[in-house]
Protein backbone atom coordinates (compact mmCIF):
# COMPACT_ATOMS: atom_id res chain seq x y z
CA MET A 1 21.93 8.11 -8.23
CA PRO A 2 23.91 5.46 -10.28
CA ALA A 3 22.55 4.51 -13.58
CA ARG A 4 20.48 1.35 -13.68
CA ARG A 5 21.10 -1.38 -16.20
CA PRO A 6 19.91 -0.45 -19.87
CA ASP A 7 17.53 -3.40 -19.82
CA VAL A 8 15.71 -2.19 -16.67
CA GLN A 9 13.16 0.42 -17.64
CA VAL A 10 13.01 3.33 -15.38
CA ILE A 11 10.17 6.05 -15.91
CA GLU A 12 11.27 9.40 -14.42
CA LEU A 13 8.30 11.80 -13.76
CA ARG A 14 8.68 15.41 -12.94
CA SER A 15 6.35 18.28 -11.70
CA GLY A 16 8.00 21.37 -10.25
CA SER A 17 10.08 20.28 -7.30
CA LEU A 18 8.53 16.84 -7.23
CA ARG A 19 10.17 13.78 -8.81
CA ALA A 20 9.31 10.17 -9.03
CA LEU A 21 10.85 7.00 -10.40
CA VAL A 22 8.71 4.22 -11.47
CA LEU A 23 9.95 0.69 -12.11
CA PRO A 24 7.25 -1.11 -14.17
CA ALA A 25 9.14 -4.52 -13.97
CA ALA A 26 9.45 -4.34 -10.24
CA GLY A 27 5.66 -4.87 -9.42
CA GLY A 28 4.94 -1.45 -11.06
CA GLY A 29 6.38 0.11 -7.86
CA LEU A 30 8.12 3.45 -7.13
CA ALA A 31 11.86 3.43 -6.66
CA ARG A 32 11.79 6.94 -5.09
CA LEU A 33 9.64 10.10 -4.49
CA ASP A 34 11.63 13.27 -3.87
CA TRP A 35 10.53 16.78 -3.01
CA ARG A 36 13.23 19.50 -3.53
CA GLY A 37 15.86 16.74 -3.66
CA MET A 38 14.69 15.24 -0.31
CA ALA A 39 13.36 11.76 -0.05
CA VAL A 40 9.56 11.73 0.88
CA LEU A 41 9.29 7.96 0.69
CA ARG A 42 12.21 5.68 1.50
CA PRO A 43 14.29 5.31 -1.63
CA ALA A 44 15.32 2.02 -3.18
CA PRO A 45 19.00 1.43 -2.60
CA ASP A 46 21.49 2.98 -4.95
CA GLY A 47 23.23 0.63 -7.26
CA VAL A 48 20.48 -2.01 -7.36
CA ALA A 49 19.20 -2.49 -10.89
CA GLN A 50 16.05 -4.38 -9.97
CA PRO A 51 15.08 -3.79 -6.33
CA LEU A 52 13.20 -6.45 -4.46
CA PRO A 53 9.52 -5.34 -3.47
CA GLY A 54 10.64 -4.75 0.20
CA GLN A 55 13.37 -2.33 -1.16
CA LEU A 56 11.01 -0.15 -3.07
CA ALA A 57 9.44 3.27 -1.98
CA CYS A 58 6.03 1.99 -2.60
CA PHE A 59 4.17 -0.84 -4.42
CA PRO A 60 0.60 -1.58 -5.18
CA LEU A 61 -1.66 -4.19 -3.26
CA VAL A 62 -4.06 -5.98 -5.53
CA PRO A 63 -6.37 -7.95 -5.47
CA TRP A 64 -6.05 -7.79 -1.62
CA SER A 65 -3.97 -6.28 1.05
CA ASN A 66 -1.73 -7.92 3.71
CA ARG A 67 -2.41 -11.54 4.92
CA ILE A 68 -5.23 -14.13 4.25
CA ALA A 69 -5.29 -17.05 6.63
CA PRO A 70 -3.34 -20.03 5.16
CA GLU A 71 -6.56 -22.09 4.69
CA GLY A 72 -8.23 -19.41 2.69
CA PHE A 73 -11.87 -18.40 3.05
CA GLU A 74 -15.35 -19.62 2.37
CA PHE A 75 -17.35 -17.42 -0.14
CA GLU A 76 -20.67 -18.40 -1.65
CA GLY A 77 -20.38 -21.99 -1.04
CA ARG A 78 -16.67 -22.23 -2.34
CA ARG A 79 -13.38 -22.62 -0.52
CA ILE A 80 -11.08 -19.88 -1.99
CA ALA A 81 -7.47 -20.74 -0.99
CA PRO A 82 -4.79 -18.52 -2.58
CA ALA A 83 -1.27 -19.97 -2.62
CA PRO A 84 1.40 -18.43 -0.46
CA THR A 85 2.94 -15.41 -2.32
CA ARG A 86 6.14 -14.98 -0.27
CA GLU A 87 8.84 -17.50 0.45
CA GLY A 88 8.79 -18.57 4.19
CA GLU A 89 5.38 -16.94 4.69
CA PRO A 90 2.52 -19.47 5.20
CA CYS A 91 -0.13 -16.86 4.61
CA PRO A 92 -0.85 -15.47 0.99
CA ILE A 93 0.11 -11.75 1.47
CA HIS A 94 -0.32 -8.58 -0.56
CA GLY A 95 -1.97 -10.30 -3.60
CA ASP A 96 -0.23 -10.67 -6.99
CA GLY A 97 0.55 -7.19 -8.25
CA TRP A 98 3.74 -6.60 -6.22
CA ARG A 99 5.26 -9.83 -7.56
CA LEU A 100 4.77 -9.30 -11.33
CA PRO A 101 6.02 -7.08 -14.05
CA TRP A 102 3.58 -4.50 -15.26
CA GLN A 103 3.27 -3.03 -18.83
CA ILE A 104 3.54 0.57 -19.91
CA GLU A 105 0.16 1.78 -21.41
CA SER A 106 1.02 5.54 -21.63
CA ARG A 107 3.40 8.07 -20.23
CA SER A 108 4.13 11.78 -20.32
CA GLU A 109 6.58 14.11 -18.44
CA SER A 110 4.29 14.06 -15.27
CA SER A 111 2.22 10.96 -15.48
CA ALA A 112 2.27 7.24 -16.41
CA VAL A 113 -0.26 4.42 -16.71
CA LEU A 114 0.86 0.86 -16.13
CA THR A 115 -1.34 -2.28 -16.73
CA LEU A 116 -1.31 -5.91 -15.49
CA ASP A 117 -3.01 -8.88 -17.26
CA ARG A 118 -3.61 -11.59 -14.64
CA CYS A 119 -6.57 -13.18 -16.57
CA ASP A 120 -4.87 -16.55 -16.03
CA GLY A 121 -4.66 -16.11 -12.25
CA SER A 122 -6.27 -18.38 -9.84
CA PRO A 123 -8.35 -18.10 -7.75
CA PHE A 124 -8.28 -14.44 -8.63
CA ALA A 125 -8.38 -13.68 -12.32
CA PHE A 126 -8.18 -9.90 -13.04
CA THR A 127 -6.75 -7.07 -14.99
CA SER A 128 -5.35 -3.98 -13.18
CA SER A 129 -4.23 -0.60 -14.10
CA LEU A 130 -1.87 1.72 -11.95
CA GLU A 131 -1.81 5.38 -12.76
CA TYR A 132 0.94 7.72 -11.39
CA ALA A 133 0.17 11.49 -11.85
CA LEU A 134 2.32 14.41 -10.52
CA ALA A 135 0.97 17.91 -10.23
CA GLY A 136 2.71 20.72 -8.20
CA SER A 137 3.69 19.01 -4.94
CA ALA A 138 1.30 16.15 -5.12
CA LEU A 139 1.45 12.66 -6.34
CA ARG A 140 -1.76 10.97 -7.20
CA ILE A 141 -1.83 7.15 -7.41
CA THR A 142 -4.99 5.44 -8.76
CA LEU A 143 -5.19 1.64 -8.64
CA ARG A 144 -7.97 -0.17 -10.42
CA VAL A 145 -8.99 -3.84 -10.71
CA ARG A 146 -11.49 -5.67 -12.86
CA ASN A 147 -12.68 -9.23 -12.08
CA ARG A 148 -11.94 -11.32 -15.24
CA GLY A 149 -12.88 -14.65 -13.62
CA ALA A 150 -15.96 -16.75 -14.10
CA TYR A 151 -17.65 -16.03 -10.68
CA ALA A 152 -17.94 -13.26 -8.08
CA LEU A 153 -15.18 -12.78 -5.56
CA PRO A 154 -14.33 -10.20 -2.81
CA PHE A 155 -11.60 -7.72 -4.03
CA GLY A 156 -9.59 -5.26 -2.08
CA LEU A 157 -6.96 -2.72 -2.87
CA GLY A 158 -4.32 -0.58 -1.04
CA LEU A 159 -0.77 0.84 -1.32
CA HIS A 160 2.31 -0.12 0.64
CA PRO A 161 4.58 3.01 0.93
CA TRP A 162 7.93 2.77 2.94
CA MET A 163 8.68 5.96 4.85
CA PRO A 164 12.14 7.10 6.24
CA CYS A 165 13.31 8.33 9.49
CA PRO A 166 10.92 6.77 12.02
CA GLU A 167 12.73 8.30 14.89
CA ASP A 168 11.86 11.71 13.76
CA ALA A 169 8.43 11.11 12.48
CA LEU A 170 5.26 12.32 13.98
CA LEU A 171 1.85 10.99 12.83
CA ARG A 172 -1.69 12.28 12.85
CA ALA A 173 -4.41 9.86 11.70
CA LYS A 174 -7.93 9.34 13.06
CA ALA A 175 -9.22 5.91 13.75
CA ASP A 176 -11.90 4.33 15.86
CA GLY A 177 -10.31 1.05 16.75
CA VAL A 178 -7.46 -1.36 15.99
CA TRP A 179 -7.20 -5.14 15.44
CA LEU A 180 -4.89 -6.90 17.92
CA SER A 181 -2.97 -9.84 16.31
CA GLY A 182 -2.21 -13.30 17.60
CA ALA A 183 1.14 -15.12 17.19
CA ASP A 184 0.09 -15.99 13.58
CA LYS A 185 -0.02 -12.22 12.75
CA LEU A 186 -3.77 -12.52 11.95
CA PRO A 187 -6.45 -10.20 13.72
CA ALA A 188 -7.67 -11.82 16.98
CA LYS A 189 -9.71 -8.99 18.66
CA ARG A 190 -10.75 -5.50 17.79
CA VAL A 191 -10.33 -2.92 20.66
CA ALA A 192 -10.32 0.82 21.32
CA LEU A 193 -7.13 2.65 20.57
CA PRO A 194 -4.41 2.22 23.30
CA PRO A 195 -2.92 5.47 24.35
CA ALA A 196 0.43 4.90 22.59
CA TRP A 197 -1.35 4.08 19.29
CA ASN A 198 -3.70 7.09 19.40
CA PHE A 199 -2.98 9.51 16.66
CA CYS A 200 -6.35 11.21 16.55
CA GLY A 201 -5.40 14.48 18.38
CA ALA A 202 -4.78 17.96 16.83
CA ALA A 203 -1.12 17.49 17.10
CA PRO A 204 0.72 14.58 15.46
CA GLN A 205 2.32 12.00 17.87
CA PRO A 206 5.57 10.07 17.86
CA LEU A 207 5.48 6.45 16.53
CA PRO A 208 5.53 3.71 19.37
CA ARG A 209 9.10 2.97 20.26
CA ASP A 210 8.32 -0.68 20.92
CA GLY A 211 6.88 -1.31 17.55
CA VAL A 212 3.45 -1.83 15.92
CA ASP A 213 2.08 -3.92 12.99
CA ASN A 214 -1.66 -3.57 13.07
CA ALA A 215 -4.70 -2.55 11.09
CA PHE A 216 -6.56 0.52 12.28
CA THR A 217 -10.31 0.93 11.45
CA GLY A 218 -12.68 3.86 11.05
CA TRP A 219 -10.06 5.96 9.30
CA ASP A 220 -11.35 9.14 7.87
CA GLY A 221 -8.98 8.94 4.83
CA ARG A 222 -6.65 11.79 5.91
CA ALA A 223 -3.17 11.54 7.56
CA GLN A 224 -0.26 13.70 8.16
CA VAL A 225 3.31 12.84 8.78
CA ASP A 226 5.71 15.38 9.99
CA TRP A 227 9.58 15.15 10.22
CA PRO A 228 10.68 18.28 12.25
CA ALA A 229 14.20 17.60 11.87
CA ARG A 230 14.02 17.35 8.02
CA LYS A 231 11.57 20.32 8.02
CA LEU A 232 9.22 18.18 5.83
CA ARG A 233 5.43 17.25 5.97
CA LEU A 234 3.60 14.65 4.03
CA GLU A 235 -0.14 14.73 3.78
CA ILE A 236 -2.02 11.57 2.62
CA GLU A 237 -5.57 11.51 1.38
CA ALA A 238 -7.31 8.34 0.25
CA ASP A 239 -10.85 7.09 -0.40
CA MET A 240 -10.36 4.22 2.11
CA SER A 241 -11.39 3.50 5.64
CA CYS A 242 -8.37 1.56 7.02
CA PHE A 243 -4.68 1.88 7.40
CA ILE A 244 -1.94 -0.49 8.49
CA LEU A 245 0.80 0.87 10.58
CA TYR A 246 4.00 -1.11 10.52
CA ALA A 247 6.85 0.39 12.58
CA PRO A 248 9.36 -2.39 13.72
CA PRO A 249 11.61 -1.19 16.49
CA GLY A 250 15.24 -0.52 15.61
CA LYS A 251 14.58 -0.22 11.85
CA ASP A 252 15.29 2.87 9.62
CA PHE A 253 11.73 2.87 8.02
CA PHE A 254 8.03 2.61 8.79
CA CYS A 255 5.01 1.89 6.63
CA PHE A 256 1.69 3.84 6.76
CA GLU A 257 -0.43 1.73 4.34
CA PRO A 258 -3.83 3.07 3.02
CA VAL A 259 -6.01 -0.01 2.51
CA ASP A 260 -9.75 -0.51 1.97
CA HIS A 261 -9.81 -3.50 4.36
CA PRO A 262 -8.23 -4.83 7.41
CA ILE A 263 -5.83 -7.94 7.52
CA ASN A 264 -7.64 -11.22 6.83
CA ALA A 265 -10.82 -9.22 6.17
CA HIS A 266 -12.08 -12.37 4.24
CA ASN A 267 -12.57 -14.28 7.53
CA LEU A 268 -13.56 -11.53 9.89
CA PRO A 269 -16.89 -11.44 11.70
CA GLY A 270 -19.71 -9.74 9.73
CA GLY A 271 -18.69 -10.96 6.26
CA VAL A 272 -16.49 -9.42 3.46
CA SER A 273 -18.58 -6.48 2.64
CA ALA A 274 -18.77 -5.33 6.25
CA ASN A 275 -15.04 -5.52 6.56
CA GLY A 276 -14.23 -3.21 3.56
CA LEU A 277 -13.90 -5.81 0.73
CA SER A 278 -15.89 -5.20 -2.61
CA VAL A 279 -17.78 -8.20 -4.10
CA LEU A 280 -17.12 -7.94 -7.92
CA ALA A 281 -19.11 -9.97 -10.30
CA PRO A 282 -17.55 -10.95 -13.48
CA GLY A 283 -16.53 -7.86 -15.47
CA GLN A 284 -17.12 -5.48 -12.61
CA ALA A 285 -14.29 -3.03 -11.43
CA LEU A 286 -12.97 -1.25 -8.37
CA SER A 287 -10.91 1.84 -8.09
CA ARG A 288 -9.02 3.51 -5.34
CA THR A 289 -7.03 6.72 -5.20
CA VAL A 290 -4.26 7.85 -2.82
CA VAL A 291 -2.72 11.41 -2.89
CA PHE A 292 0.60 12.18 -1.33
CA THR A 293 1.32 15.87 -0.79
CA ALA A 294 4.65 17.19 0.29
CA GLU A 295 5.13 20.49 2.11
CA ASP A 296 7.89 22.41 3.80
CA LEU A 297 7.40 22.58 7.60
């Protein structure tokens, strides 16, 4: 891999045959995760000193995941309306963490802790930490957020990993339903799993060839991705009950995103807590952990 610019800090982590590259300034994200020299997550492009978030192998989602309606949401008598976070996208998407540089709090040969101070944020004021820890064939990522604002707000967390070789990938992940989206890419109706989107069986299934970009509910927090041609398996374990599957047709990647709430959970029927968000009073914190484990098939 070509050397990055000297002023762009790269943290290399190693444990046995597992290697990760962390870019604190690029939203605290991962540039790559390799197992025995093979890319487990889609690597950032070679020769790019500072990849864009969409070029990373993985980036954090804080203080919410995916889209919130452009008009925001009502909470405890207030209208909360985050500004759009991506050019050309009317909805605020993925929170703030992926857009900002993180600071290095500590590091070792196999682990690193990054921090983000967003106390001046509006309407979400918070601090966050992101811990990467390698052990054997597993990468454990722990994302934390603490409300530093003056009043309670619903917070949510997740990760946005990008995975390679969708044409060879087989997925197993239990869920009890999926949100169908309207033209605005916001959830319109929750339905039972269509056959092509049912990955609950004992054997992993191919990804839908006509594409998918939807939030699945009732996840048991465990998933498996097999790449038979690459003889590689990735097991995912998370303390979350939703995942977003994004597999656009004709692309060389797909995303399996562990999240603790569906898209636009702030406005879904039943209220924020019923849809996975955590109401944090000032000073309260939330933590989520995802473990990626690589295996030979």
